Amino acid sequence: EGDEEGEIVVGGNGWGNQSNQLDSPQGLSFDKEENFYVVDKNNHRIQKYEKNLN
């Protein structure tokens, strides 16, 4: 399971505060549904990314 080469799924749109941007990401966590969360330090938020969201 998984990709050997990897794929950018978040933060590929430069630094910023839009929903598809991050500013100083500091942490990453997964829940039991395999969604993941990124601590977006300088935007003072936690971004949730759903597993099957394209």
N, C-alpha and C. Protein backbone atom coordinates (compact mmCIF):
# COMPACT_ATOMS: atom_id res chain seq x y z
N GLU A 1 0.84 -1.17 0.00
CA GLU A 1 0.00 0.00 0.00
C GLU A 1 0.89 1.24 0.00
N GLY A 2 0.50 2.24 -0.73
CA GLY A 2 1.26 3.48 -0.77
C GLY A 2 2.02 3.64 -2.07
N ASP A 3 2.57 4.81 -2.24
CA ASP A 3 3.31 5.19 -3.44
C ASP A 3 4.78 5.29 -3.11
N GLU A 4 5.64 4.69 -3.90
CA GLU A 4 7.08 4.77 -3.65
C GLU A 4 7.64 6.15 -3.96
N GLU A 5 7.08 6.86 -4.93
CA GLU A 5 7.61 8.15 -5.33
C GLU A 5 6.98 9.32 -4.61
N GLY A 6 5.84 9.15 -4.01
CA GLY A 6 5.18 10.23 -3.28
C GLY A 6 4.42 11.17 -4.19
N GLU A 7 3.58 11.96 -3.58
CA GLU A 7 2.73 12.90 -4.30
C GLU A 7 2.40 14.05 -3.37
N ILE A 8 2.49 15.28 -3.86
CA ILE A 8 2.11 16.44 -3.05
C ILE A 8 0.60 16.48 -2.97
N VAL A 9 0.07 16.44 -1.76
CA VAL A 9 -1.38 16.47 -1.58
C VAL A 9 -1.85 17.75 -0.90
N VAL A 10 -0.96 18.45 -0.21
CA VAL A 10 -1.29 19.75 0.40
C VAL A 10 -0.07 20.64 0.35
N GLY A 11 -0.33 21.93 0.34
CA GLY A 11 0.76 22.89 0.43
C GLY A 11 1.55 23.10 -0.84
N GLY A 12 1.04 22.65 -1.98
CA GLY A 12 1.75 22.81 -3.24
C GLY A 12 1.46 24.11 -3.94
N ASN A 13 0.76 25.01 -3.29
CA ASN A 13 0.36 26.27 -3.91
C ASN A 13 1.05 27.47 -3.27
N GLY A 14 2.22 27.26 -2.72
CA GLY A 14 2.96 28.35 -2.09
C GLY A 14 2.45 28.67 -0.70
N TRP A 15 3.18 29.58 -0.02
CA TRP A 15 2.80 30.00 1.32
C TRP A 15 1.59 30.92 1.25
N GLY A 16 0.68 30.81 2.23
CA GLY A 16 -0.47 31.70 2.27
C GLY A 16 -1.50 31.24 3.27
N ASN A 17 -2.68 31.85 3.20
CA ASN A 17 -3.73 31.52 4.16
C ASN A 17 -5.01 31.02 3.50
N GLN A 18 -4.96 30.68 2.22
CA GLN A 18 -6.12 30.08 1.56
C GLN A 18 -6.22 28.61 1.99
N SER A 19 -7.37 27.98 1.72
CA SER A 19 -7.56 26.60 2.17
C SER A 19 -6.59 25.61 1.51
N ASN A 20 -6.02 25.97 0.37
CA ASN A 20 -5.06 25.09 -0.30
C ASN A 20 -3.61 25.53 -0.07
N GLN A 21 -3.38 26.36 0.95
CA GLN A 21 -2.04 26.85 1.27
C GLN A 21 -1.76 26.68 2.75
N LEU A 22 -0.48 26.59 3.09
CA LEU A 22 -0.03 26.49 4.47
C LEU A 22 1.02 27.56 4.72
N ASP A 23 1.19 27.93 5.98
CA ASP A 23 2.24 28.87 6.37
C ASP A 23 2.88 28.34 7.64
N SER A 24 4.01 27.72 7.51
CA SER A 24 4.76 27.12 8.61
C SER A 24 4.07 25.89 9.18
N PRO A 25 3.85 24.86 8.34
CA PRO A 25 3.27 23.62 8.87
C PRO A 25 4.20 23.02 9.91
N GLN A 26 3.65 22.59 11.05
CA GLN A 26 4.46 22.13 12.18
C GLN A 26 4.20 20.70 12.61
N GLY A 27 3.09 20.12 12.21
CA GLY A 27 2.80 18.77 12.68
C GLY A 27 1.81 18.08 11.76
N LEU A 28 1.75 16.76 11.87
CA LEU A 28 0.89 15.94 11.03
C LEU A 28 0.34 14.81 11.88
N SER A 29 -0.95 14.52 11.71
CA SER A 29 -1.56 13.42 12.46
C SER A 29 -2.66 12.79 11.61
N PHE A 30 -2.94 11.51 11.86
CA PHE A 30 -3.99 10.79 11.16
C PHE A 30 -5.04 10.33 12.15
N ASP A 31 -6.30 10.22 11.69
CA ASP A 31 -7.35 9.66 12.54
C ASP A 31 -7.66 8.23 12.07
N LYS A 32 -8.63 7.59 12.71
CA LYS A 32 -8.91 6.18 12.40
C LYS A 32 -9.52 5.99 11.02
N GLU A 33 -10.07 7.06 10.41
CA GLU A 33 -10.61 6.98 9.06
C GLU A 33 -9.54 7.30 8.00
N GLU A 34 -8.30 7.49 8.44
CA GLU A 34 -7.14 7.80 7.60
C GLU A 34 -7.19 9.20 6.99
N ASN A 35 -8.01 10.09 7.57
CA ASN A 35 -7.92 11.51 7.23
C ASN A 35 -6.68 12.03 7.92
N PHE A 36 -6.11 13.13 7.43
CA PHE A 36 -4.97 13.66 8.14
C PHE A 36 -5.12 15.13 8.43
N TYR A 37 -4.40 15.56 9.45
CA TYR A 37 -4.50 16.91 9.98
C TYR A 37 -3.11 17.53 9.98
N VAL A 38 -3.04 18.81 9.60
CA VAL A 38 -1.78 19.53 9.59
C VAL A 38 -1.93 20.76 10.49
N VAL A 39 -1.00 20.93 11.43
CA VAL A 39 -0.95 22.14 12.24
C VAL A 39 -0.32 23.22 11.37
N ASP A 40 -1.09 24.26 11.09
CA ASP A 40 -0.65 25.38 10.25
C ASP A 40 -0.34 26.55 11.17
N LYS A 41 0.88 26.55 11.70
CA LYS A 41 1.27 27.43 12.81
C LYS A 41 0.99 28.91 12.57
N ASN A 42 1.50 29.48 11.50
CA ASN A 42 1.36 30.93 11.30
C ASN A 42 -0.03 31.37 10.89
N ASN A 43 -0.88 30.43 10.49
CA ASN A 43 -2.28 30.76 10.20
C ASN A 43 -3.18 30.43 11.39
N HIS A 44 -2.59 29.93 12.47
CA HIS A 44 -3.33 29.64 13.72
C HIS A 44 -4.52 28.73 13.47
N ARG A 45 -4.27 27.62 12.78
CA ARG A 45 -5.37 26.70 12.46
C ARG A 45 -4.84 25.28 12.33
N ILE A 46 -5.78 24.35 12.35
CA ILE A 46 -5.49 22.95 12.04
C ILE A 46 -6.31 22.62 10.80
N GLN A 47 -5.65 22.18 9.76
CA GLN A 47 -6.31 21.85 8.51
C GLN A 47 -6.58 20.35 8.46
N LYS A 48 -7.82 19.97 8.12
CA LYS A 48 -8.18 18.57 7.96
C LYS A 48 -8.26 18.26 6.47
N TYR A 49 -7.65 17.14 6.08
CA TYR A 49 -7.68 16.68 4.70
C TYR A 49 -8.26 15.27 4.69
N GLU A 50 -9.37 15.09 3.99
CA GLU A 50 -10.04 13.80 3.97
C GLU A 50 -9.35 12.84 3.02
N LYS A 51 -9.33 11.58 3.40
CA LYS A 51 -8.62 10.54 2.66
C LYS A 51 -9.02 10.48 1.20
N ASN A 52 -10.29 10.48 0.90
CA ASN A 52 -10.75 10.28 -0.47
C ASN A 52 -11.16 11.57 -1.17
N LEU A 53 -10.76 12.71 -0.64
CA LEU A 53 -11.09 13.99 -1.26
C LEU A 53 -10.08 14.29 -2.35
N ASN A 54 -10.56 14.51 -3.56
CA ASN A 54 -9.66 14.82 -4.69
C ASN A 54 -9.72 16.27 -5.03
